[in-house]
Amino acid sequence: MFPELNNLLNTTPDKVEQGKLTLLCDAKTDGSFLVHHFLSFYLKANCKVCFVALIQSFSHYNIVGQKLGVNLTTARERGQLVFLEGLKSSVDVFFRAEEEPHPLQFLRDANTGNLQPLYEFVREALQPVDNGEAAWRCPVLLVDDLSVLLSLGMGAVAVLDFIHYCRATVCWKLQGNMVALVHDSGDAEDEENDILLNGLSHQSHLILRAEGLATGFCRDVHGQLKVLWRRPPQPTAQRDRSLTYQYKIQDRSVSFFAKGLSPAVL
């Protein structure tokens, strides 16, 4: 968990808002540091987390998590973390009997065009149970990343439907939170990715967009982060508010500073 990012967003593990969808987006850079932040943040906040990891292995997230002060293995063993390892599950789905349900069933049934089995996995993972299990705070769904579903052949509408049903269950019914990462390829011909990004942007309460520097690689400034707080469409509500910071990723932290005010420059 990166304290400077918490200060930037004015939040702490003791103060967790509920019913929110946070969109993480990266363009010409790697925004995975944002995923690691929110994973460690919600685990430290004692939330029940369902992590749909489609891009990296469990061991990768666990190694980074330990640097940020959380142990994913322990969290999974005590029931706080439900982890879907997409890299492993994508192989397992082909060796199961056809009648056995699987969250990534769409890989086998290419003609179905829906993500209902994945939604059912999320719903069951975060459904409250009364069996003496530890009392966790609000449930959280974290997805890294939705762009992979497009690469695997799913349409943007099907992915947006999946998010809609997850929001109805996690954010509205269970009063929890959702965080999802989407890549912005910058390709004008990639209509499906544009549809997904635009659709999620209109639904999100907070958008964090990590971008590479227009000038290219820099040793002391790794990119810039645009933060957009979206307001509800009410006449008396404050308009959307946005800020832009540059950042440098370190081994166990991230430093943020105003554009052009990097310590290396000054």
Protein backbone atom coordinates (compact mmCIF):
# COMPACT_ATOMS: atom_id res chain seq x y z
CA MET A 1 0.00 0.00 0.00
CA PHE A 2 1.37 3.40 -1.01
CA PRO A 3 0.76 6.08 1.67
CA GLU A 4 1.25 8.96 -0.77
CA LEU A 5 -1.51 7.61 -3.00
CA ASN A 6 -3.80 7.31 0.02
CA ASN A 7 -3.09 10.94 0.87
CA LEU A 8 -3.75 11.91 -2.73
CA LEU A 9 -7.15 10.19 -2.68
CA ASN A 10 -7.86 11.31 0.90
CA THR A 11 -8.54 7.79 2.16
CA THR A 12 -7.16 5.31 4.69
CA PRO A 13 -7.91 1.66 5.56
CA ASP A 14 -9.97 2.98 8.48
CA LYS A 15 -12.09 5.07 6.13
CA VAL A 16 -13.43 2.89 3.31
CA GLU A 17 -16.24 4.24 1.14
CA GLN A 18 -18.83 1.75 -0.05
CA GLY A 19 -20.79 1.20 -3.24
CA LYS A 20 -18.05 2.62 -5.49
CA LEU A 21 -16.59 1.54 -8.83
CA THR A 22 -12.97 2.59 -9.44
CA LEU A 23 -11.61 2.38 -12.98
CA LEU A 24 -7.86 1.97 -13.44
CA CYS A 25 -6.52 2.73 -16.90
CA ASP A 26 -3.00 2.72 -18.31
CA ALA A 27 -1.77 4.10 -21.62
CA LYS A 28 1.77 3.56 -22.91
CA THR A 29 2.90 2.48 -19.44
CA ASP A 30 2.32 -0.26 -16.86
CA GLY A 31 -0.43 0.61 -14.39
CA SER A 32 -0.15 -2.59 -12.36
CA PHE A 33 1.21 -0.64 -9.37
CA LEU A 34 -2.34 0.69 -8.93
CA VAL A 35 -3.71 -2.87 -8.76
CA HIS A 36 -1.17 -3.82 -6.11
CA HIS A 37 -2.07 -0.72 -4.12
CA PHE A 38 -5.80 -1.44 -4.02
CA LEU A 39 -5.27 -5.13 -3.28
CA SER A 40 -3.09 -4.38 -0.25
CA PHE A 41 -5.32 -1.45 0.77
CA TYR A 42 -8.49 -3.52 0.99
CA LEU A 43 -6.78 -6.46 2.67
CA LYS A 44 -5.38 -4.13 5.33
CA ALA A 45 -8.86 -2.61 5.68
CA ASN A 46 -10.13 -6.10 6.63
CA CYS A 47 -12.40 -6.36 3.59
CA LYS A 48 -13.42 -9.61 1.90
CA VAL A 49 -11.70 -9.56 -1.50
CA CYS A 50 -12.47 -11.53 -4.65
CA PHE A 51 -9.52 -11.08 -6.99
CA VAL A 52 -10.00 -12.10 -10.63
CA ALA A 53 -6.37 -12.13 -11.80
CA LEU A 54 -6.19 -12.70 -15.54
CA ILE A 55 -2.69 -11.37 -16.24
CA GLN A 56 -0.25 -12.65 -13.58
CA SER A 57 0.24 -15.66 -11.28
CA PHE A 58 -0.64 -15.84 -7.60
CA SER A 59 3.04 -15.95 -6.64
CA HIS A 60 3.69 -12.69 -8.49
CA TYR A 61 0.98 -10.81 -6.59
CA ASN A 62 2.07 -12.44 -3.33
CA ILE A 63 5.69 -11.31 -3.73
CA VAL A 64 4.66 -7.73 -4.41
CA GLY A 65 2.07 -7.88 -1.64
CA GLN A 66 4.69 -8.87 0.93
CA LYS A 67 6.70 -5.77 0.01
CA LEU A 68 3.57 -3.73 0.71
CA GLY A 69 2.91 -5.42 4.04
CA VAL A 70 0.28 -8.06 3.21
CA ASN A 71 0.52 -11.84 2.86
CA LEU A 72 -1.84 -13.17 0.21
CA THR A 73 -1.27 -16.79 1.20
CA THR A 74 -2.39 -16.09 4.76
CA ALA A 75 -5.35 -14.01 3.55
CA ARG A 76 -6.47 -16.83 1.26
CA GLU A 77 -6.11 -19.50 3.96
CA ARG A 78 -8.26 -17.58 6.44
CA GLY A 79 -10.95 -16.91 3.85
CA GLN A 80 -10.41 -13.18 3.40
CA LEU A 81 -9.11 -13.53 -0.16
CA VAL A 82 -10.74 -15.55 -2.94
CA PHE A 83 -8.25 -15.71 -5.82
CA LEU A 84 -9.02 -16.78 -9.39
CA GLU A 85 -5.71 -17.44 -11.13
CA GLY A 86 -6.59 -16.95 -14.78
CA LEU A 87 -3.29 -18.28 -16.15
CA LYS A 88 -3.80 -21.62 -14.42
CA SER A 89 -7.58 -21.80 -14.75
CA SER A 90 -7.44 -21.20 -18.50
CA VAL A 91 -5.68 -24.56 -18.83
CA ASP A 92 -7.76 -26.40 -16.25
CA VAL A 93 -11.02 -25.58 -18.02
CA PHE A 94 -10.12 -27.84 -20.93
CA PHE A 95 -9.45 -30.86 -18.70
CA ARG A 96 -12.72 -30.75 -16.76
CA ALA A 97 -15.82 -32.71 -17.65
CA GLU A 98 -18.16 -30.61 -19.80
CA GLU A 99 -20.92 -30.67 -17.18
CA GLU A 100 -18.62 -29.27 -14.46
CA PRO A 101 -19.08 -25.46 -14.18
CA HIS A 102 -16.01 -23.26 -14.47
CA PRO A 103 -15.62 -19.45 -14.17
CA LEU A 104 -13.80 -19.29 -17.51
CA GLN A 105 -16.22 -21.61 -19.30
CA PHE A 106 -16.41 -19.20 -22.25
CA LEU A 107 -12.95 -20.39 -23.33
CA ARG A 108 -14.45 -23.79 -24.14
CA ASP A 109 -17.87 -22.62 -25.31
CA ALA A 110 -16.80 -19.91 -27.70
CA ASN A 111 -20.31 -19.51 -29.08
CA THR A 112 -21.97 -18.65 -25.78
CA GLY A 113 -20.73 -15.06 -25.78
CA ASN A 114 -21.48 -14.42 -22.11
CA LEU A 115 -19.62 -14.33 -18.81
CA GLN A 116 -22.36 -15.67 -16.55
CA PRO A 117 -20.15 -18.45 -15.05
CA LEU A 118 -17.56 -15.82 -14.10
CA TYR A 119 -20.27 -13.67 -12.53
CA GLU A 120 -21.58 -16.66 -10.57
CA PHE A 121 -18.06 -17.25 -9.26
CA VAL A 122 -17.85 -13.65 -8.04
CA ARG A 123 -21.33 -13.74 -6.50
CA GLU A 124 -20.65 -16.95 -4.57
CA ALA A 125 -17.20 -15.75 -3.47
CA LEU A 126 -18.55 -12.56 -1.90
CA GLN A 127 -21.92 -13.84 -0.69
CA PRO A 128 -22.16 -13.41 3.11
CA VAL A 129 -22.21 -16.69 5.02
CA ASP A 130 -23.25 -17.38 8.59
CA ASN A 131 -21.01 -20.24 9.62
CA GLY A 132 -18.74 -18.69 12.21
CA GLU A 133 -16.49 -17.18 9.55
CA ALA A 134 -14.60 -14.03 10.47
CA ALA A 135 -16.68 -10.89 10.15
CA TRP A 136 -15.12 -9.01 7.24
CA ARG A 137 -15.91 -5.46 6.26
CA CYS A 138 -17.49 -4.63 2.92
CA PRO A 139 -16.84 -7.02 0.01
CA VAL A 140 -14.53 -5.99 -2.84
CA LEU A 141 -14.17 -7.25 -6.41
CA LEU A 142 -10.79 -6.57 -8.05
CA VAL A 143 -10.15 -7.45 -11.72
CA ASP A 144 -6.73 -7.38 -13.42
CA ASP A 145 -7.45 -6.86 -16.19
CA LEU A 146 -10.63 -6.61 -18.28
CA SER A 147 -8.74 -6.06 -21.54
CA VAL A 148 -7.67 -9.72 -21.42
CA LEU A 149 -11.30 -10.76 -21.88
CA LEU A 150 -11.39 -8.84 -25.15
CA SER A 151 -8.17 -10.53 -26.27
CA LEU A 152 -9.76 -13.92 -25.53
CA GLY A 153 -12.63 -13.22 -27.89
CA MET A 154 -15.32 -11.69 -25.69
CA GLY A 155 -17.11 -8.62 -27.00
CA ALA A 156 -17.13 -5.31 -25.16
CA VAL A 157 -20.90 -5.54 -24.64
CA ALA A 158 -20.53 -8.92 -22.93
CA VAL A 159 -17.82 -7.53 -20.63
CA LEU A 160 -19.96 -4.48 -19.82
CA ASP A 161 -22.89 -6.80 -19.03
CA PHE A 162 -20.61 -8.72 -16.65
CA ILE A 163 -19.62 -5.49 -14.91
CA HIS A 164 -23.27 -4.39 -14.73
CA TYR A 165 -24.33 -7.58 -12.95
CA CYS A 166 -21.31 -7.42 -10.65
CA ARG A 167 -22.15 -3.82 -9.74
CA ALA A 168 -25.75 -4.78 -9.02
CA THR A 169 -24.56 -7.47 -6.62
CA VAL A 170 -21.35 -6.10 -5.13
CA CYS A 171 -21.92 -2.32 -5.09
CA TRP A 172 -25.69 -2.09 -4.66
CA LYS A 173 -26.91 -5.25 -2.95
CA LEU A 174 -23.86 -5.93 -0.75
CA GLN A 175 -22.72 -2.29 -0.50
CA GLY A 176 -19.17 -3.21 -1.47
CA ASN A 177 -16.66 -1.82 -3.97
CA MET A 178 -15.23 -2.75 -7.35
CA VAL A 179 -11.84 -1.96 -8.91
CA ALA A 180 -11.00 -2.90 -12.50
CA LEU A 181 -8.02 -2.25 -14.77
CA VAL A 182 -8.38 -1.66 -18.51
CA HIS A 183 -5.58 -0.95 -20.99
CA ASP A 184 -5.87 1.92 -23.43
CA SER A 185 -4.00 0.75 -26.50
CA GLY A 186 -4.37 4.11 -28.23
CA ASP A 187 -5.36 2.26 -31.39
CA ALA A 188 -8.17 4.16 -33.12
CA GLU A 189 -9.20 0.97 -34.92
CA ASP A 190 -9.72 -0.98 -31.70
CA GLU A 191 -13.43 -0.19 -31.38
CA GLU A 192 -14.15 -2.89 -28.82
CA ASN A 193 -11.59 -1.50 -26.39
CA ASP A 194 -12.94 2.04 -26.90
CA ILE A 195 -16.49 0.86 -26.19
CA LEU A 196 -15.34 -0.87 -23.01
CA LEU A 197 -13.36 2.13 -21.78
CA ASN A 198 -16.12 4.63 -22.52
CA GLY A 199 -18.79 2.43 -20.98
CA LEU A 200 -16.81 1.94 -17.77
CA SER A 201 -15.85 5.62 -17.58
CA HIS A 202 -19.51 6.65 -17.44
CA GLN A 203 -20.20 4.16 -14.63
CA SER A 204 -17.15 4.88 -12.47
CA HIS A 205 -17.01 7.04 -9.36
CA LEU A 206 -13.22 7.41 -9.55
CA ILE A 207 -10.89 7.09 -12.55
CA LEU A 208 -7.12 6.72 -12.18
CA ARG A 209 -5.32 6.95 -15.52
CA ALA A 210 -1.59 6.21 -15.64
CA GLU A 211 0.16 7.52 -18.73
CA GLY A 212 3.66 7.31 -20.10
CA LEU A 213 5.60 10.52 -20.66
CA ALA A 214 5.20 12.15 -24.05
CA THR A 215 8.97 12.75 -24.06
CA GLY A 216 9.72 9.05 -23.59
CA PHE A 217 11.74 7.28 -20.91
CA CYS A 218 13.02 9.20 -17.91
CA ARG A 219 14.99 7.71 -15.02
CA ASP A 220 13.50 10.01 -12.38
CA VAL A 221 9.91 10.39 -13.66
CA HIS A 222 8.15 7.19 -14.69
CA GLY A 223 4.84 8.66 -15.83
CA GLN A 224 1.90 10.79 -14.89
CA LEU A 225 -1.33 9.93 -13.09
CA LYS A 226 -4.60 11.65 -13.89
CA VAL A 227 -7.18 11.47 -11.11
CA LEU A 228 -10.82 12.15 -11.96
CA TRP A 229 -13.51 12.19 -9.28
CA ARG A 230 -16.91 11.87 -10.94
CA ARG A 231 -19.95 13.46 -9.32
CA PRO A 232 -23.57 12.24 -9.51
CA PRO A 233 -25.65 13.94 -12.22
CA GLN A 234 -27.58 16.25 -9.92
CA PRO A 235 -28.08 20.00 -10.44
CA THR A 236 -26.70 20.86 -7.01
CA ALA A 237 -23.74 18.48 -7.20
CA GLN A 238 -20.18 19.68 -7.69
CA ARG A 239 -18.82 19.14 -11.19
CA ASP A 240 -16.23 16.46 -11.92
CA ARG A 241 -12.86 17.33 -10.38
CA SER A 242 -9.52 16.22 -11.79
CA LEU A 243 -5.86 16.50 -10.88
CA THR A 244 -2.68 15.41 -12.65
CA TYR A 245 0.53 14.32 -10.94
CA GLN A 246 3.78 12.83 -12.10
CA TYR A 247 5.20 9.84 -10.25
CA LYS A 248 8.25 7.70 -9.69
CA ILE A 249 7.87 4.04 -8.71
CA GLN A 250 10.29 2.77 -6.06
CA ASP A 251 10.73 -0.70 -4.58
CA ARG A 252 8.18 -0.31 -1.78
CA SER A 253 6.54 3.03 -2.52
CA VAL A 254 5.52 5.54 -5.18
CA SER A 255 6.42 9.24 -5.03
CA PHE A 256 3.98 11.79 -6.49
CA PHE A 257 4.74 15.40 -7.37
CA ALA A 258 3.27 18.21 -9.44
CA LYS A 259 4.24 18.29 -13.12
CA GLY A 260 7.73 19.69 -13.55
CA LEU A 261 8.52 19.58 -9.82
CA SER A 262 10.42 16.31 -9.66
CA PRO A 263 13.21 16.44 -7.02
CA ALA A 264 15.61 15.39 -9.77
CA VAL A 265 14.69 18.47 -11.82
CA LEU A 266 14.86 20.85 -8.89
